[in-house]
Amino acid sequence: MELSAAQSAIQQLLVKLSILRQHASGFRETWDEVVADGQGSQIAYQTILEICACFGAAGCGVPSLDLDDSAVDVAELGNRVEAREFGGRWRLILRKSECTSNREEGVHVGFFALRSSFREWLEHLEPFSPSCPLCLYPKLLVLVNGLAEPFATASCEFVGTLNSSEPSASRRHSMPSDQVVRQCLHVLCSDDVVFWPERFSPASGSFRSDCAKSLLSASESVLSACLATTYGKNGRVGLKGIKHHDVPLAADRQSGSVTEESVSQLAELVSWAYAEKRETRLRLVRDRLSLDLVVCLVSSGRLRGSS
């Protein structure tokens, strides 16, 4: 996969951040920002200068930097390094949302310096929220330091800093849009929700890692909802066929019970049901699932219980 100059700068930024973490007493990373602090040292200050350079090359503006609880600019830090003044406390804040590379060719770029932060973000995704990055951006690229095996959905790629090729083994399905799903699914809650099966359906790469399985759990929720009759409060769906079920979509994402095979089969079923004669096909699917819910929706432990 060929990266732009700004995206390559982000890859270098992630390497430098991983070095800084080793010399920080505190390091916190979310989708939106990185906050690090620690005791001054030559290697810490030099790394911060390199991080600021990468941040600027990526079109990300200027990081927020404090020395001894006072805001300073990069030039002042450079002067301290030249004068070999390495004492004091430092605090660095990088706001990822400032990246201008997010506007290149319609691709929004996200990044994580820590693989553990990336995994935690995936574990807490809210796949029905309009503010979820996978729902918010039509095309998304997430660069992750330490991610060994890339993977992707139809609209989002998750790539490690050392990955030089795109996720392989394409297995994409034609998926309905949010508007089409809403025509077939009754939304009973007042929450602002969206349904984007295409953006969560596995498309290529390896889904064997713990990070990829966390995404699969969110994928299964979205795909399962597309086959339901109603979507209600707290992520509960109603499945009305020959029998009626009211089941929760929420489950423990760290269970590891979800598999790529089960989600791929579910994606194929959603694709078939919405391809043509949607009302007829969905009725057939719902009748079948209402009789044998375990086959497609409970086999991975995601949907438990019925009424």
Protein backbone atom coordinates (compact mmCIF):
# COMPACT_ATOMS: atom_id res chain seq x y z
CA MET A 1 0.00 0.00 0.00
CA GLU A 2 1.45 3.33 -1.08
CA LEU A 3 1.12 6.04 1.56
CA SER A 4 1.11 9.77 1.00
CA ALA A 5 3.94 11.90 2.39
CA ALA A 6 1.74 12.99 5.31
CA GLN A 7 0.71 9.42 6.08
CA SER A 8 4.35 8.30 5.97
CA ALA A 9 5.12 11.09 8.44
CA ILE A 10 2.45 9.66 10.74
CA GLN A 11 4.16 6.27 10.58
CA GLN A 12 7.41 7.90 11.68
CA LEU A 13 5.48 9.75 14.40
CA LEU A 14 4.21 6.45 15.79
CA VAL A 15 7.73 5.04 16.02
CA LYS A 16 8.92 8.13 17.89
CA LEU A 17 5.93 8.00 20.25
CA SER A 18 6.75 4.41 21.14
CA ILE A 19 10.27 5.54 22.04
CA LEU A 20 8.95 8.43 24.14
CA ARG A 21 6.70 6.07 26.05
CA GLN A 22 9.79 4.30 27.40
CA HIS A 23 10.91 7.58 28.98
CA ALA A 24 7.51 8.79 30.21
CA SER A 25 6.02 8.30 33.64
CA GLY A 26 2.53 8.63 32.18
CA PHE A 27 1.25 7.79 28.70
CA ARG A 28 -2.43 7.79 27.71
CA GLU A 29 -3.81 7.33 24.21
CA THR A 30 -7.34 7.49 22.80
CA TRP A 31 -8.80 7.87 19.32
CA ASP A 32 -8.62 11.66 19.72
CA GLU A 33 -5.33 12.36 21.46
CA VAL A 34 -2.06 11.27 23.06
CA VAL A 35 -1.10 12.66 26.48
CA ALA A 36 2.36 11.93 27.88
CA ASP A 37 4.39 13.35 30.75
CA GLY A 38 7.61 12.64 32.56
CA GLN A 39 10.89 13.84 34.01
CA GLY A 40 13.21 15.72 31.67
CA SER A 41 16.17 13.92 30.09
CA GLN A 42 18.27 14.33 26.98
CA ILE A 43 16.64 11.45 25.12
CA ALA A 44 13.12 12.51 26.18
CA TYR A 45 13.59 16.09 24.99
CA GLN A 46 15.29 15.04 21.75
CA THR A 47 12.48 12.58 21.03
CA ILE A 48 9.86 15.26 21.71
CA LEU A 49 11.57 17.53 19.16
CA GLU A 50 11.47 14.71 16.60
CA ILE A 51 7.81 14.06 17.40
CA CYS A 52 6.98 17.73 16.84
CA ALA A 53 8.76 17.60 13.48
CA CYS A 54 6.81 14.51 12.41
CA PHE A 55 3.58 16.05 13.66
CA GLY A 56 4.18 19.12 11.53
CA ALA A 57 5.18 17.06 8.46
CA ALA A 58 1.90 15.18 8.79
CA GLY A 59 0.02 18.47 8.66
CA CYS A 60 -1.07 18.15 12.25
CA GLY A 61 -0.29 21.64 13.46
CA VAL A 62 1.65 22.21 16.68
CA PRO A 63 1.48 19.92 19.74
CA SER A 64 0.80 21.34 23.18
CA LEU A 65 3.98 21.29 25.26
CA ASP A 66 4.51 22.23 28.93
CA LEU A 67 7.80 22.43 30.80
CA ASP A 68 7.55 22.74 34.58
CA ASP A 69 3.81 23.51 34.26
CA SER A 70 4.41 26.40 31.84
CA ALA A 71 3.47 26.33 28.16
CA VAL A 72 6.45 26.59 25.82
CA ASP A 73 6.99 26.36 22.08
CA VAL A 74 9.22 23.96 20.18
CA ALA A 75 11.91 26.62 19.73
CA GLU A 76 12.31 27.04 23.49
CA LEU A 77 12.65 23.30 23.96
CA GLY A 78 15.28 23.30 21.21
CA ASN A 79 17.19 26.02 23.04
CA ARG A 80 17.17 23.92 26.22
CA VAL A 81 18.55 20.93 24.33
CA GLU A 82 21.32 23.05 22.78
CA ALA A 83 22.16 24.42 26.23
CA ARG A 84 22.04 20.87 27.61
CA GLU A 85 19.40 21.82 30.16
CA PHE A 86 17.54 18.56 30.61
CA GLY A 87 15.92 18.95 34.02
CA GLY A 88 12.30 19.67 34.95
CA ARG A 89 8.99 18.02 34.19
CA TRP A 90 7.43 17.90 30.73
CA ARG A 91 3.93 17.24 29.38
CA LEU A 92 3.04 16.67 25.73
CA ILE A 93 -0.46 16.60 24.18
CA LEU A 94 -1.03 15.56 20.56
CA ARG A 95 -4.53 16.16 19.22
CA LYS A 96 -5.01 13.68 16.41
CA SER A 97 -8.06 15.47 15.01
CA GLU A 98 -5.81 18.30 13.79
CA CYS A 99 -4.27 16.14 11.05
CA THR A 100 -4.80 17.76 7.64
CA SER A 101 -3.94 14.40 6.06
CA ASN A 102 -7.47 13.42 7.02
CA ARG A 103 -8.66 15.39 4.00
CA GLU A 104 -6.36 13.80 1.43
CA GLU A 105 -8.29 12.04 -1.34
CA GLY A 106 -11.32 11.72 0.92
CA VAL A 107 -9.49 9.41 3.33
CA HIS A 108 -9.69 10.06 7.07
CA VAL A 109 -6.52 8.86 8.79
CA GLY A 110 -6.49 7.62 12.36
CA PHE A 111 -3.46 6.29 14.19
CA PHE A 112 -2.34 4.55 17.37
CA ALA A 113 1.15 4.49 18.84
CA LEU A 114 0.23 1.58 21.13
CA ARG A 115 -1.33 -1.64 19.96
CA SER A 116 -3.00 -1.99 23.37
CA SER A 117 -4.71 1.40 22.93
CA PHE A 118 -5.94 0.31 19.51
CA ARG A 119 -7.37 -2.91 20.92
CA GLU A 120 -9.11 -1.06 23.75
CA TRP A 121 -10.63 1.39 21.25
CA LEU A 122 -12.00 -1.50 19.17
CA GLU A 123 -13.39 -3.21 22.28
CA HIS A 124 -15.41 -0.11 23.13
CA LEU A 125 -16.66 0.78 19.65
CA GLU A 126 -20.30 1.82 19.49
CA PRO A 127 -21.16 0.44 16.04
CA PHE A 128 -24.65 1.99 15.89
CA SER A 129 -23.53 5.49 16.85
CA PRO A 130 -23.26 8.13 14.09
CA SER A 131 -20.08 9.35 15.80
CA CYS A 132 -18.36 5.96 15.54
CA PRO A 133 -15.41 6.59 13.14
CA LEU A 134 -16.37 3.59 10.98
CA CYS A 135 -19.85 5.09 10.55
CA LEU A 136 -18.74 8.71 10.36
CA TYR A 137 -16.14 8.44 7.59
CA PRO A 138 -16.91 6.82 4.20
CA LYS A 139 -13.22 5.90 3.84
CA LEU A 140 -10.95 5.30 6.81
CA LEU A 141 -7.29 4.31 7.19
CA VAL A 142 -5.99 3.46 10.67
CA LEU A 143 -2.22 3.12 11.13
CA VAL A 144 -1.21 1.07 14.18
CA ASN A 145 2.29 0.69 15.57
CA GLY A 146 2.87 -2.99 16.34
CA LEU A 147 -0.01 -4.44 14.31
CA ALA A 148 1.52 -7.46 12.57
CA GLU A 149 -1.36 -8.58 10.35
CA PRO A 150 -3.44 -5.98 8.44
CA PHE A 151 -7.19 -6.42 8.04
CA ALA A 152 -9.99 -4.44 6.44
CA THR A 153 -13.69 -3.93 5.92
CA ALA A 154 -15.09 -2.56 2.68
CA SER A 155 -14.44 1.03 3.78
CA CYS A 156 -11.76 0.83 6.46
CA GLU A 157 -8.18 -0.48 6.49
CA PHE A 158 -6.20 -1.26 9.65
CA VAL A 159 -2.51 -1.38 8.83
CA GLY A 160 0.64 -1.77 10.92
CA THR A 161 3.61 0.56 10.60
CA LEU A 162 5.71 -2.21 9.05
CA ASN A 163 3.04 -3.46 6.63
CA SER A 164 3.99 -2.66 3.05
CA SER A 165 1.07 -4.38 1.31
CA GLU A 166 -2.68 -4.08 1.42
CA PRO A 167 -4.80 -6.68 3.25
CA SER A 168 -5.17 -9.62 0.85
CA ALA A 169 -7.77 -12.31 0.09
CA SER A 170 -10.70 -10.05 -0.76
CA ARG A 171 -14.09 -11.49 0.23
CA ARG A 172 -16.45 -8.56 -0.08
CA HIS A 173 -20.23 -8.83 -0.20
CA SER A 174 -22.70 -6.35 -1.61
CA MET A 175 -24.33 -4.72 1.41
CA PRO A 176 -27.41 -2.52 1.92
CA SER A 177 -27.06 1.13 2.91
CA ASP A 178 -28.28 2.63 6.15
CA GLN A 179 -31.35 3.96 4.32
CA VAL A 180 -32.25 0.55 2.89
CA VAL A 181 -31.83 -1.20 6.26
CA ARG A 182 -34.14 1.38 7.88
CA GLN A 183 -36.84 0.54 5.34
CA CYS A 184 -36.84 -3.04 6.61
CA LEU A 185 -36.07 -2.54 10.31
CA HIS A 186 -38.35 -0.74 12.78
CA VAL A 187 -36.31 1.48 15.12
CA LEU A 188 -38.17 1.74 18.42
CA CYS A 189 -35.66 3.74 20.48
CA SER A 190 -35.23 7.51 20.54
CA ASP A 191 -31.44 7.27 20.24
CA ASP A 192 -29.75 8.52 17.08
CA VAL A 193 -28.57 5.26 15.49
CA VAL A 194 -27.20 4.17 12.11
CA PHE A 195 -26.86 0.82 10.37
CA TRP A 196 -23.83 0.39 8.10
CA PRO A 197 -23.23 -3.35 7.48
CA GLU A 198 -20.82 -2.65 4.63
CA ARG A 199 -18.48 -0.73 6.92
CA PHE A 200 -18.29 -3.60 9.41
CA SER A 201 -18.33 -6.64 7.14
CA PRO A 202 -14.90 -8.37 6.89
CA ALA A 203 -13.43 -7.73 3.45
CA SER A 204 -9.77 -8.72 3.44
CA GLY A 205 -6.73 -9.57 5.53
CA SER A 206 -6.33 -11.75 8.60
CA PHE A 207 -8.88 -11.65 11.44
CA ARG A 208 -7.01 -14.02 13.75
CA SER A 209 -5.57 -11.41 16.13
CA ASP A 210 -7.27 -10.20 19.30
CA CYS A 211 -7.64 -6.75 17.73
CA ALA A 212 -9.37 -8.11 14.65
CA LYS A 213 -11.69 -10.27 16.77
CA SER A 214 -12.77 -7.18 18.71
CA LEU A 215 -13.86 -5.66 15.40
CA LEU A 216 -15.62 -8.91 14.47
CA SER A 217 -17.74 -8.62 17.63
CA ALA A 218 -18.96 -5.18 16.54
CA SER A 219 -19.48 -6.52 13.01
CA GLU A 220 -21.66 -9.32 14.29
CA SER A 221 -23.87 -6.87 16.17
CA VAL A 222 -24.47 -4.73 13.08
CA LEU A 223 -25.06 -7.66 10.73
CA SER A 224 -27.40 -9.35 13.20
CA ALA A 225 -29.45 -6.18 13.59
CA CYS A 226 -29.95 -6.05 9.81
CA LEU A 227 -31.84 -9.35 9.97
CA ALA A 228 -34.00 -8.39 12.95
CA THR A 229 -37.54 -7.01 12.87
CA THR A 230 -37.08 -4.23 15.43
CA TYR A 231 -34.20 -2.36 17.08
CA GLY A 232 -34.96 -1.03 20.56
CA LYS A 233 -33.40 0.51 23.66
CA ASN A 234 -30.11 -0.77 25.05
CA GLY A 235 -29.27 -2.60 21.85
CA ARG A 236 -32.12 -5.11 22.08
CA VAL A 237 -33.59 -6.45 18.85
CA GLY A 238 -36.88 -8.14 18.16
CA LEU A 239 -37.04 -11.06 15.75
CA LYS A 240 -40.59 -11.79 14.66
CA GLY A 241 -41.10 -14.86 12.56
CA ILE A 242 -42.98 -18.06 13.23
CA LYS A 243 -41.81 -17.52 16.80
CA HIS A 244 -41.01 -14.20 18.47
CA HIS A 245 -37.70 -13.42 20.19
CA ASP A 246 -36.48 -10.36 22.06
CA VAL A 247 -32.73 -10.61 22.51
CA PRO A 248 -29.77 -8.37 23.49
CA LEU A 249 -27.01 -7.62 21.02
CA ALA A 250 -24.60 -6.57 23.79
CA ALA A 251 -22.07 -9.12 24.98
CA ASP A 252 -18.58 -9.37 26.41
CA ARG A 253 -16.23 -8.48 23.55
CA GLN A 254 -13.29 -10.06 25.31
CA SER A 255 -14.87 -13.50 25.26
CA GLY A 256 -13.07 -14.47 22.04
CA SER A 257 -16.04 -16.62 21.00
CA VAL A 258 -16.72 -14.81 17.74
CA THR A 259 -15.03 -16.21 14.62
CA GLU A 260 -14.34 -14.85 11.17
CA GLU A 261 -16.21 -17.80 9.64
CA SER A 262 -19.42 -17.11 11.56
CA VAL A 263 -19.35 -13.38 10.76
CA SER A 264 -18.58 -14.05 7.09
CA GLN A 265 -21.55 -16.42 6.90
CA LEU A 266 -23.71 -13.79 8.55
CA ALA A 267 -22.49 -11.19 6.04
CA GLU A 268 -23.34 -13.52 3.16
CA LEU A 269 -26.82 -14.01 4.58
CA VAL A 270 -27.39 -10.25 4.92
CA SER A 271 -26.14 -9.71 1.38
CA TRP A 272 -28.52 -12.35 0.00
CA ALA A 273 -31.51 -11.12 2.00
CA TYR A 274 -31.18 -7.54 0.75
CA ALA A 275 -30.09 -8.28 -2.84
CA GLU A 276 -33.61 -8.45 -4.27
CA LYS A 277 -37.20 -9.07 -3.15
CA ARG A 278 -36.15 -7.86 0.27
CA GLU A 279 -39.48 -8.28 2.02
CA THR A 280 -39.86 -11.87 0.84
CA ARG A 281 -36.30 -12.89 1.55
CA LEU A 282 -36.20 -11.23 4.97
CA ARG A 283 -39.45 -12.95 5.89
CA LEU A 284 -37.91 -16.30 4.96
CA VAL A 285 -34.77 -15.55 6.94
CA ARG A 286 -36.68 -14.33 9.99
CA ASP A 287 -38.96 -17.34 9.95
CA ARG A 288 -35.98 -19.65 9.81
CA LEU A 289 -34.02 -17.78 12.46
CA SER A 290 -37.00 -17.59 14.77
CA LEU A 291 -37.22 -21.38 14.65
CA ASP A 292 -33.52 -22.00 14.96
CA LEU A 293 -31.95 -18.85 16.40
CA VAL A 294 -28.92 -20.75 17.60
CA VAL A 295 -27.66 -21.53 14.09
CA CYS A 296 -26.78 -18.00 12.99
CA LEU A 297 -27.01 -15.65 15.98
CA VAL A 298 -26.27 -17.56 19.18
CA SER A 299 -23.50 -19.87 17.93
CA SER A 300 -20.84 -17.30 18.85
CA GLY A 301 -22.42 -16.41 22.20
CA ARG A 302 -23.43 -12.90 21.17
CA LEU A 303 -27.21 -13.28 21.34
CA ARG A 304 -28.35 -15.03 24.47
CA GLY A 305 -31.83 -15.80 25.64
CA SER A 306 -35.24 -15.48 23.99
CA SER A 307 -38.83 -14.86 24.93
